[in-house]
C-alpha atoms as a PDB file:
ATOM      1  CA  MET A   1    -120.841  74.421  76.556  1.00  0.00           C
ATOM      2  CA  ILE A   2    -118.034  73.581  74.154  1.00  0.00           C
ATOM      3  CA  TYR A   3    -120.330  74.180  71.211  1.00  0.00           C
ATOM      4  CA  TRP A   4    -121.298  77.551  72.630  1.00  0.00           C
ATOM      5  CA  LEU A   5    -117.625  78.473  73.185  1.00  0.00           C
ATOM      6  CA  VAL A   6    -116.658  77.520  69.639  1.00  0.00           C
ATOM      7  CA  ARG A   7    -119.569  79.488  68.301  1.00  0.00           C
ATOM      8  CA  PHE A   8    -118.602  82.517  70.414  1.00  0.00           C
ATOM      9  CA  VAL A   9    -114.993  82.422  69.226  1.00  0.00           C
ATOM     10  CA  ASN A  10    -116.080  82.001  65.629  1.00  0.00           C
ATOM     11  CA  ASN A  11    -118.473  84.946  65.841  1.00  0.00           C
ATOM     12  CA  TYR A  12    -116.086  87.294  67.665  1.00  0.00           C
ATOM     13  CA  ARG A  13    -112.679  86.060  66.460  1.00  0.00           C
ATOM     14  CA  GLN A  14    -111.649  89.415  64.984  1.00  0.00           C
ATOM     15  CA  TYR A  15    -112.280  91.182  68.268  1.00  0.00           C
ATOM     16  CA  ILE A  16    -110.509  88.449  70.209  1.00  0.00           C
ATOM     17  CA  ILE A  17    -107.393  88.662  67.984  1.00  0.00           C
ATOM     18  CA  PHE A  18    -107.377  92.437  68.248  1.00  0.00           C
ATOM     19  CA  THR A  19    -107.628  92.237  72.040  1.00  0.00           C
ATOM     20  CA  ILE A  20    -104.731  89.748  72.207  1.00  0.00           C
ATOM     21  CA  PHE A  21    -102.487  92.064  70.137  1.00  0.00           C
ATOM     22  CA  ILE A  22    -103.411  95.020  72.348  1.00  0.00           C
ATOM     23  CA  LEU A  23    -102.470  93.060  75.454  1.00  0.00           C
ATOM     24  CA  LEU A  24     -99.166  91.933  73.880  1.00  0.00           C
ATOM     25  CA  SER A  25     -98.364  95.506  72.918  1.00  0.00           C
ATOM     26  CA  LEU A  26     -99.035  96.704  76.454  1.00  0.00           C
ATOM     27  CA  LEU A  27     -96.873  93.903  77.806  1.00  0.00           C
ATOM     28  CA  LEU A  28     -93.976  94.810  75.507  1.00  0.00           C
ATOM     29  CA  LEU A  29     -94.308  98.464  76.433  1.00  0.00           C
ATOM     30  CA  SER A  30     -94.134  97.590  80.107  1.00  0.00           C
ATOM     31  CA  LEU A  31     -90.971  95.551  79.473  1.00  0.00           C
ATOM     32  CA  ASN A  32     -89.383  98.160  77.179  1.00  0.00           C
ATOM     33  CA  ASN A  33     -87.061  99.523  79.830  1.00  0.00           C
ATOM     34  CA  SER A  34     -86.180  96.216  81.364  1.00  0.00           C
ATOM     35  CA  LYS A  35     -82.550  95.082  81.391  1.00  0.00           C
ATOM     36  CA  ASP A  36     -83.221  92.002  79.259  1.00  0.00           C
ATOM     37  CA  ILE A  37     -85.034  93.939  76.539  1.00  0.00           C
ATOM     38  CA  THR A  38     -82.334  96.609  76.491  1.00  0.00           C
ATOM     39  CA  THR A  39     -79.640  93.956  76.139  1.00  0.00           C
ATOM     40  CA  LEU A  40     -81.590  92.235  73.370  1.00  0.00           C
ATOM     41  CA  ARG A  41     -82.054  95.545  71.578  1.00  0.00           C
ATOM     42  CA  LYS A  42     -78.324  96.286  71.753  1.00  0.00           C
ATOM     43  CA  ALA A  43     -77.454  92.792  70.569  1.00  0.00           C
ATOM     44  CA  SER A  44     -79.861  93.126  67.644  1.00  0.00           C
ATOM     45  CA  PHE A  45     -78.372  96.496  66.724  1.00  0.00           C
ATOM     46  CA  ILE A  46     -74.823  95.107  66.824  1.00  0.00           C
ATOM     47  CA  PHE A  47     -75.842  92.026  64.841  1.00  0.00           C
ATOM     48  CA  TYR A  48     -77.457  94.028  62.053  1.00  0.00           C
ATOM     49  CA  SER A  49     -74.535  96.469  62.046  1.00  0.00           C
ATOM     50  CA  ILE A  50     -72.123  93.582  61.517  1.00  0.00           C
ATOM     51  CA  ILE A  51     -74.318  92.146  58.773  1.00  0.00           C
ATOM     52  CA  ASP A  52     -74.487  95.545  57.071  1.00  0.00           C
ATOM     53  CA  PHE A  53     -70.719  96.008  57.435  1.00  0.00           C
ATOM     54  CA  VAL A  54     -70.032  92.613  55.868  1.00  0.00           C
ATOM     55  CA  LYS A  55     -72.460  92.923  52.970  1.00  0.00           C
ATOM     56  CA  SER A  56     -71.721  96.586  52.174  1.00  0.00           C
ATOM     57  CA  PRO A  57     -68.468  95.900  50.210  1.00  0.00           C
ATOM     58  CA  PHE A  58     -70.212  93.209  48.168  1.00  0.00           C
ATOM     59  CA  GLU A  59     -73.098  95.519  47.380  1.00  0.00           C
ATOM     60  CA  GLU A  60     -70.671  98.269  46.394  1.00  0.00           C
ATOM     61  CA  PHE A  61     -68.647  95.821  44.288  1.00  0.00           C
ATOM     62  CA  PHE A  62     -71.654  94.662  42.294  1.00  0.00           C
ATOM     63  CA  TYR A  63     -72.972  98.217  42.068  1.00  0.00           C
ATOM     64  CA  TYR A  64     -69.699  99.598  40.693  1.00  0.00           C
ATOM     65  CA  LYS A  65     -69.284  96.567  38.456  1.00  0.00           C
ATOM     66  CA  LYS A  66     -72.666  97.279  36.944  1.00  0.00           C
ATOM     67  CA  GLU A  67     -71.853 100.988  36.625  1.00  0.00           C
ATOM     68  CA  ASN A  68     -68.479 100.222  35.024  1.00  0.00           C
ATOM     69  CA  GLU A  69     -70.140  97.913  32.520  1.00  0.00           C
ATOM     70  CA  LYS A  70     -72.644 100.640  31.734  1.00  0.00           C
ATOM     71  CA  LEU A  71     -69.858 103.217  31.306  1.00  0.00           C
ATOM     72  CA  ARG A  72     -67.870 100.843  29.082  1.00  0.00           C
ATOM     73  CA  ASN A  73     -70.882 100.358  26.845  1.00  0.00           C
ATOM     74  CA  GLU A  74     -71.469 104.106  26.680  1.00  0.00           C
ATOM     75  CA  ASN A  75     -67.790 104.705  25.930  1.00  0.00           C
ATOM     76  CA  SER A  76     -67.843 102.087  23.149  1.00  0.00           C
ATOM     77  CA  GLU A  77     -70.903 103.719  21.620  1.00  0.00           C
ATOM     78  CA  LEU A  78     -69.343 107.194  21.808  1.00  0.00           C
ATOM     79  CA  THR A  79     -66.132 105.861  20.259  1.00  0.00           C
ATOM     80  CA  ARG A  80     -68.132 104.276  17.426  1.00  0.00           C
ATOM     81  CA  GLN A  81     -69.995 107.534  16.816  1.00  0.00           C
ATOM     82  CA  LEU A  82     -66.729 109.497  16.878  1.00  0.00           C
ATOM     83  CA  LEU A  83     -65.147 107.162  14.314  1.00  0.00           C
ATOM     84  CA  GLU A  84     -68.211 107.476  12.083  1.00  0.00           C
ATOM     85  CA  LEU A  85     -68.084 111.256  12.430  1.00  0.00           C
ATOM     86  CA  LYS A  86     -64.388 111.308  11.508  1.00  0.00           C
ATOM     87  CA  LYS A  87     -65.151 109.087   8.523  1.00  0.00           C
ATOM     88  CA  PHE A  88     -67.900 111.457   7.338  1.00  0.00           C
ATOM     89  CA  VAL A  89     -65.598 114.464   7.815  1.00  0.00           C
ATOM     90  CA  ASN A  90     -62.827 112.778   5.816  1.00  0.00           C
ATOM     91  CA  GLU A  91     -65.238 111.850   3.032  1.00  0.00           C
ATOM     92  CA  ARG A  92     -66.604 115.396   2.989  1.00  0.00           C
ATOM     93  CA  ASP A  93     -63.094 116.858   2.706  1.00  0.00           C
ATOM     94  CA  GLU A  94     -62.206 114.340   0.015  1.00  0.00           C
ATOM     95  CA  LEU A  95     -65.282 115.185  -2.055  1.00  0.00           C
ATOM     96  CA  TYR A  96     -64.601 118.889  -1.586  1.00  0.00           C
ATOM     97  CA  ASP A  97     -61.066 118.425  -2.977  1.00  0.00           C
ATOM     98  CA  LEU A  98     -62.464 116.569  -5.996  1.00  0.00           C
ATOM     99  CA  VAL A  99     -64.971 119.358  -6.646  1.00  0.00           C
ATOM    100  CA  GLU A 100     -62.222 121.976  -6.426  1.00  0.00           C
ATOM    101  CA  PHE A 101     -60.066 119.889  -8.760  1.00  0.00           C
ATOM    102  CA  LYS A 102     -62.847 119.787 -11.330  1.00  0.00           C
ATOM    103  CA  LYS A 103     -63.197 123.564 -11.084  1.00  0.00           C
ATOM    104  CA  ARG A 104     -59.508 124.024 -11.879  1.00  0.00           C
ATOM    105  CA  ASN A 105     -59.489 121.508 -14.744  1.00  0.00           C
ATOM    106  CA  SER A 106     -61.789 121.687 -17.742  1.00  0.00           C
ATOM    107  CA  ALA A 107     -61.376 118.058 -18.825  1.00  0.00           C
ATOM    108  CA  SER A 108     -64.172 115.520 -18.478  1.00  0.00           C
ATOM    109  CA  TYR A 109     -64.027 113.085 -15.538  1.00  0.00           C
ATOM    110  CA  VAL A 110     -66.250 110.524 -13.866  1.00  0.00           C
ATOM    111  CA  THR A 111     -66.412 110.525 -10.060  1.00  0.00           C
ATOM    112  CA  ALA A 112     -66.625 107.070  -8.454  1.00  0.00           C
ATOM    113  CA  LYS A 113     -66.913 105.671  -4.951  1.00  0.00           C
ATOM    114  CA  ILE A 114     -64.635 102.859  -3.808  1.00  0.00           C
ATOM    115  CA  ILE A 115     -66.883 100.067  -2.548  1.00  0.00           C
ATOM    116  CA  LEU A 116     -64.312  97.328  -1.942  1.00  0.00           C
ATOM    117  CA  LYS A 117     -60.559  97.203  -1.288  1.00  0.00           C
ATOM    118  CA  LEU A 118     -58.750  93.986  -2.192  1.00  0.00           C
ATOM    119  CA  ASN A 119     -55.272  93.171  -0.934  1.00  0.00           C
ATOM    120  CA  ASP A 120     -54.083  89.708  -1.880  1.00  0.00           C
ATOM    121  CA  ILE A 121     -51.200  87.844  -3.466  1.00  0.00           C
ATOM    122  CA  SER A 122     -52.444  88.718  -6.938  1.00  0.00           C
ATOM    123  CA  GLY A 123     -52.069  92.421  -6.238  1.00  0.00           C
ATOM    124  CA  ASN A 124     -53.805  95.434  -4.721  1.00  0.00           C
ATOM    125  CA  LYS A 125     -57.073  96.374  -6.385  1.00  0.00           C
ATOM    126  CA  TYR A 126     -60.152  98.487  -5.714  1.00  0.00           C
ATOM    127  CA  ILE A 127     -63.719  97.942  -6.877  1.00  0.00           C
ATOM    128  CA  ILE A 128     -65.587 101.138  -7.788  1.00  0.00           C
ATOM    129  CA  ASP A 129     -69.275 101.779  -8.423  1.00  0.00           C
ATOM    130  CA  LYS A 130     -68.927 102.907 -12.037  1.00  0.00           C
ATOM    131  CA  GLY A 131     -68.739 100.765 -15.174  1.00  0.00           C
ATOM    132  CA  MET A 132     -69.489 100.604 -18.870  1.00  0.00           C
ATOM    133  CA  LYS A 133     -72.893 102.227 -18.313  1.00  0.00           C
ATOM    134  CA  ASP A 134     -70.988 105.306 -17.155  1.00  0.00           C
ATOM    135  CA  LYS A 135     -68.768 105.250 -20.283  1.00  0.00           C
ATOM    136  CA  ILE A 136     -65.807 103.840 -18.378  1.00  0.00           C
ATOM    137  CA  LYS A 137     -63.300 102.013 -20.591  1.00  0.00           C
ATOM    138  CA  LEU A 138     -60.413  99.622 -20.049  1.00  0.00           C
ATOM    139  CA  ASN A 139     -57.069 101.243 -19.172  1.00  0.00           C
ATOM    140  CA  ALA A 140     -58.760 104.515 -18.205  1.00  0.00           C
ATOM    141  CA  ILE A 141     -56.583 106.482 -15.761  1.00  0.00           C
ATOM    142  CA  VAL A 142     -57.757 106.647 -12.130  1.00  0.00           C
ATOM    143  CA  PHE A 143     -56.576 109.440  -9.827  1.00  0.00           C
ATOM    144  CA  ASN A 144     -57.722 111.968  -7.222  1.00  0.00           C
ATOM    145  CA  SER A 145     -57.020 115.644  -6.553  1.00  0.00           C
ATOM    146  CA  LYS A 146     -53.508 114.810  -5.317  1.00  0.00           C
ATOM    147  CA  GLY A 147     -52.150 112.244  -7.727  1.00  0.00           C
ATOM    148  CA  LEU A 148     -52.215 108.906  -9.504  1.00  0.00           C
ATOM    149  CA  ILE A 149     -54.130 105.906  -8.114  1.00  0.00           C
ATOM    150  CA  GLY A 150     -54.028 103.366 -10.948  1.00  0.00           C
ATOM    151  CA  TYR A 151     -55.961 102.343 -14.041  1.00  0.00           C
ATOM    152  CA  ILE A 152     -59.072 100.344 -14.973  1.00  0.00           C
ATOM    153  CA  SER A 153     -58.060  96.715 -15.521  1.00  0.00           C
ATOM    154  CA  ASP A 154     -61.503  95.099 -15.750  1.00  0.00           C
ATOM    155  CA  LEU A 155     -65.120  96.232 -15.769  1.00  0.00           C
ATOM    156  CA  THR A 156     -68.774  95.278 -16.058  1.00  0.00           C
ATOM    157  CA  GLY A 157     -71.842  97.338 -16.748  1.00  0.00           C
ATOM    158  CA  ASP A 158     -72.037  98.734 -13.219  1.00  0.00           C
ATOM    159  CA  TYR A 159     -68.607  98.188 -11.658  1.00  0.00           C
ATOM    160  CA  SER A 160     -64.902  98.458 -12.469  1.00  0.00           C
ATOM    161  CA  VAL A 161     -61.651  97.045 -11.097  1.00  0.00           C
ATOM    162  CA  VAL A 162     -58.884  99.553 -10.393  1.00  0.00           C
ATOM    163  CA  HIS A 163     -55.363  98.153 -10.721  1.00  0.00           C
ATOM    164  CA  LEU A 164     -53.435 100.208  -8.142  1.00  0.00           C
ATOM    165  CA  ILE A 165     -49.956 101.658  -8.423  1.00  0.00           C
ATOM    166  CA  SER A 166     -49.229  99.644  -5.257  1.00  0.00           C
ATOM    167  CA  ASN A 167     -49.272  96.436  -7.265  1.00  0.00           C
ATOM    168  CA  PHE A 168     -46.340  94.014  -7.392  1.00  0.00           C
ATOM    169  CA  ASN A 169     -46.187  93.867 -11.182  1.00  0.00           C
ATOM    170  CA  GLN A 170     -46.653  97.598 -11.740  1.00  0.00           C
ATOM    171  CA  ARG A 171     -43.717  99.541 -13.227  1.00  0.00           C
ATOM    172  CA  ILE A 172     -44.109 103.272 -13.844  1.00  0.00           C
ATOM    173  CA  SER A 173     -41.689 105.575 -15.619  1.00  0.00           C
ATOM    174  CA  VAL A 174     -41.338 108.654 -13.408  1.00  0.00           C
ATOM    175  CA  LYS A 175     -39.459 111.947 -13.354  1.00  0.00           C
ATOM    176  CA  ASN A 176     -38.310 114.163 -10.502  1.00  0.00           C
ATOM    177  CA  GLU A 177     -40.401 117.288 -10.923  1.00  0.00           C
ATOM    178  CA  ARG A 178     -37.638 119.533  -9.553  1.00  0.00           C
ATOM    179  CA  SER A 179     -34.470 118.104 -11.115  1.00  0.00           C
ATOM    180  CA  ASN A 180     -35.905 116.119 -14.061  1.00  0.00           C
ATOM    181  CA  ALA A 181     -34.104 112.946 -12.911  1.00  0.00           C
ATOM    182  CA  PHE A 182     -35.735 109.868 -14.460  1.00  0.00           C
ATOM    183  CA  GLY A 183     -36.397 106.528 -12.791  1.00  0.00           C
ATOM    184  CA  ILE A 184     -38.714 103.529 -12.508  1.00  0.00           C
ATOM    185  CA  MET A 185     -41.172 103.366  -9.608  1.00  0.00           C
ATOM    186  CA  THR A 186     -42.320 100.019  -8.172  1.00  0.00           C
ATOM    187  CA  TRP A 187     -44.011  98.613  -5.094  1.00  0.00           C
ATOM    188  CA  ASP A 188     -42.075  95.985  -3.109  1.00  0.00           C
ATOM    189  CA  GLY A 189     -44.987  94.897  -0.923  1.00  0.00           C
ATOM    190  CA  GLU A 190     -44.219  97.316   1.897  1.00  0.00           C
ATOM    191  CA  LYS A 191     -43.123 100.599   0.340  1.00  0.00           C
ATOM    192  CA  PHE A 192     -42.614 102.413  -2.929  1.00  0.00           C
ATOM    193  CA  LYS A 193     -39.142 102.396  -4.464  1.00  0.00           C
ATOM    194  CA  VAL A 194     -37.637 104.379  -7.332  1.00  0.00           C
ATOM    195  CA  TYR A 195     -34.891 102.552  -9.211  1.00  0.00           C
ATOM    196  CA  ASN A 196     -32.354 103.455 -11.901  1.00  0.00           C
ATOM    197  CA  VAL A 197     -31.804 107.038 -10.745  1.00  0.00           C
ATOM    198  CA  ASN A 198     -28.128 107.753 -11.366  1.00  0.00           C
ATOM    199  CA  LYS A 199     -26.076 109.086  -8.439  1.00  0.00           C
ATOM    200  CA  SER A 200     -25.079 112.059 -10.552  1.00  0.00           C
ATOM    201  CA  ALA A 201     -28.709 113.242 -10.435  1.00  0.00           C
ATOM    202  CA  ASP A 202     -30.088 115.633  -7.820  1.00  0.00           C
ATOM    203  CA  VAL A 203     -32.655 113.937  -5.559  1.00  0.00           C
ATOM    204  CA  LYS A 204     -33.682 115.095  -2.069  1.00  0.00           C
ATOM    205  CA  GLU A 205     -36.192 114.080   0.568  1.00  0.00           C
ATOM    206  CA  GLY A 206     -39.477 115.847  -0.117  1.00  0.00           C
ATOM    207  CA  ASP A 207     -39.027 115.787  -3.902  1.00  0.00           C
ATOM    208  CA  VAL A 208     -42.045 114.800  -5.979  1.00  0.00           C
ATOM    209  CA  PHE A 209     -41.867 112.263  -8.790  1.00  0.00           C
ATOM    210  CA  VAL A 210     -44.473 112.538 -11.555  1.00  0.00           C
ATOM    211  CA  THR A 211     -45.280 110.293 -14.484  1.00  0.00           C
ATOM    212  CA  SER A 212     -42.768 110.909 -17.261  1.00  0.00           C
ATOM    213  CA  GLU A 213     -43.242 111.420 -20.975  1.00  0.00           C
ATOM    214  CA  TYR A 214     -41.692 107.981 -21.477  1.00  0.00           C
ATOM    215  CA  SER A 215     -44.629 106.251 -19.781  1.00  0.00           C
ATOM    216  CA  SER A 216     -46.639 104.229 -22.272  1.00  0.00           C
ATOM    217  CA  GLN A 217     -49.579 103.811 -19.903  1.00  0.00           C
ATOM    218  CA  PHE A 218     -50.059 107.093 -18.041  1.00  0.00           C
ATOM    219  CA  PRO A 219     -50.142 110.711 -19.219  1.00  0.00           C
ATOM    220  CA  ALA A 220     -47.066 112.739 -18.294  1.00  0.00           C
ATOM    221  CA  GLY A 221     -47.087 115.049 -15.289  1.00  0.00           C
ATOM    222  CA  ILE A 222     -49.354 113.183 -12.861  1.00  0.00           C
ATOM    223  CA  PRO A 223     -47.882 113.244  -9.311  1.00  0.00           C
ATOM    224  CA  VAL A 224     -47.078 109.749  -8.098  1.00  0.00           C
ATOM    225  CA  LEU A 225     -44.602 109.705  -5.241  1.00  0.00           C
ATOM    226  CA  LYS A 226     -43.103 111.941  -2.574  1.00  0.00           C
ATOM    227  CA  VAL A 227     -39.536 111.029  -1.555  1.00  0.00           C
ATOM    228  CA  THR A 228     -39.141 110.072   2.107  1.00  0.00           C
ATOM    229  CA  TYR A 229     -35.592 108.696   1.840  1.00  0.00           C
ATOM    230  CA  ALA A 230     -32.820 109.236  -0.706  1.00  0.00           C
ATOM    231  CA  SER A 231     -29.254 107.981  -0.298  1.00  0.00           C
ATOM    232  CA  LYS A 232     -26.167 107.592  -2.481  1.00  0.00           C
ATOM    233  CA  GLU A 233     -24.594 105.200   0.023  1.00  0.00           C
ATOM    234  CA  THR A 234     -25.070 102.116  -2.140  1.00  0.00           C
ATOM    235  CA  ASP A 235     -22.813  99.560  -3.836  1.00  0.00           C
ATOM    236  CA  ILE A 236     -24.280 100.317  -7.240  1.00  0.00           C
ATOM    237  CA  LEU A 237     -24.405 103.353  -9.529  1.00  0.00           C
ATOM    238  CA  PHE A 238     -27.928 104.332  -8.516  1.00  0.00           C
ATOM    239  CA  TYR A 239     -29.724 106.018  -5.626  1.00  0.00           C
ATOM    240  CA  ASP A 240     -31.592 104.151  -2.911  1.00  0.00           C
ATOM    241  CA  ILE A 241     -34.928 106.001  -3.001  1.00  0.00           C
ATOM    242  CA  THR A 242     -38.044 105.302  -0.952  1.00  0.00           C
ATOM    243  CA  GLY A 243     -41.281 107.256  -1.020  1.00  0.00           C
ATOM    244  CA  LYS A 244     -44.996 107.346  -0.317  1.00  0.00           C
ATOM    245  CA  ALA A 245     -47.938 107.634  -2.685  1.00  0.00           C
ATOM    246  CA  ILE A 246     -49.065 111.241  -2.994  1.00  0.00           C
ATOM    247  CA  SER A 247     -52.645 110.118  -3.654  1.00  0.00           C
ATOM    248  CA  GLU A 248     -52.755 108.390  -0.213  1.00  0.00           C
ATOM    249  CA  ILE A 249     -54.359 105.343  -1.796  1.00  0.00           C
ATOM    250  CA  ASP A 250     -54.747 103.552   1.536  1.00  0.00           C
ATOM    251  CA  LYS A 251     -57.032 106.299   2.907  1.00  0.00           C
ATOM    252  CA  ILE A 252     -59.206 107.330  -0.029  1.00  0.00           C
ATOM    253  CA  ASN A 253     -62.919 106.637  -0.525  1.00  0.00           C
ATOM    254  CA  TYR A 254     -63.502 108.359  -3.884  1.00  0.00           C
ATOM    255  CA  CYS A 255     -61.622 108.754  -7.139  1.00  0.00           C
ATOM    256  CA  LEU A 256     -61.786 110.291 -10.596  1.00  0.00           C
ATOM    257  CA  ILE A 257     -61.626 108.408 -13.892  1.00  0.00           C
ATOM    258  CA  MET A 258     -60.164 110.204 -16.888  1.00  0.00           C
ATOM    259  CA  GLN A 259     -61.928 109.673 -20.175  1.00  0.00           C
ATOM    260  CA  PRO A 260     -59.630 108.247 -22.919  1.00  0.00           C
ATOM    261  CA  ASP A 261     -59.898 111.368 -25.109  1.00  0.00           C
ATOM    262  CA  GLU A 262     -58.633 113.533 -22.228  1.00  0.00           C
ATOM    263  CA  THR A 263     -55.346 111.734 -21.559  1.00  0.00           C
ATOM    264  CA  LYS A 264     -53.295 114.470 -23.240  1.00  0.00           C
ATOM    265  CA  THR A 265     -54.783 117.196 -21.012  1.00  0.00           C
ATOM    266  CA  ARG A 266     -52.381 118.844 -18.587  1.00  0.00           C
ATOM    267  CA  LEU A 267     -53.829 118.553 -15.083  1.00  0.00           C
ATOM    268  CA  ASN A 268     -53.457 120.919 -12.136  1.00  0.00           C
ATOM    269  CA  PHE A 269     -52.972 118.871  -8.964  1.00  0.00           C
ATOM    270  CA  LEU A 270     -52.922 119.842  -5.292  1.00  0.00           C
ATOM    271  CA  LEU A 271     -49.220 119.243  -4.744  1.00  0.00           C
ATOM    272  CA  ASN A 272     -49.199 121.449  -1.667  1.00  0.00           C
ATOM    273  CA  LYS A 273     -51.609 119.166   0.237  1.00  0.00           C
END
């Protein structure tokens, strides 16, 4: 009997399970409107509502945290692209100015790209991508479309070192282009200064100082400095003059190198820029 029952269940177990679920479903349907089931349903609804209410702020927190992180990353990428775009625009404008300068001046120049900027205790220097192979020579004058940058102090076949005008040991004889007042321009580590300009001279803010004919290193007439401060209120016989480099040496990416046989050529610079 037991063997027969086991065999029957084994042969018809799928039907038996199906029948049991049908009966349970009918039983639950019959109890659906009972007071106990209704109470249980309400309790379940309240319980899950409380759970949802409690977890909702946490879900929102982690969701917004993730979104904020995503937005920060996107913003960083857009900022990087914007900076690169501005850099390309600046380089384009700089190259355009150099091309226009060459059109206005018939002398022979070499265009170079600044590949490294060095600022240390030994002085401010730039490394450019032109050297002896490009016919660059020691002491060649380096400038851009606006004014003087420095001179070649060392070089190899492919590269050159530019000794900047913003160098501690650099002294340049300059002249006020408007009033012809003479002075000596130096760099004090923070700003450009013009010394030895007598108080009897006429110097104003906005004046441009160019290299003078007394300079033994640079051709005369190259713009060097624009006056940002000029005062006679000193305890000595000379002006207190401060200025900024017209060539904007801290922003440039390209430069021109003047060939030695062109140093006597009068150049036409963009003084209005």
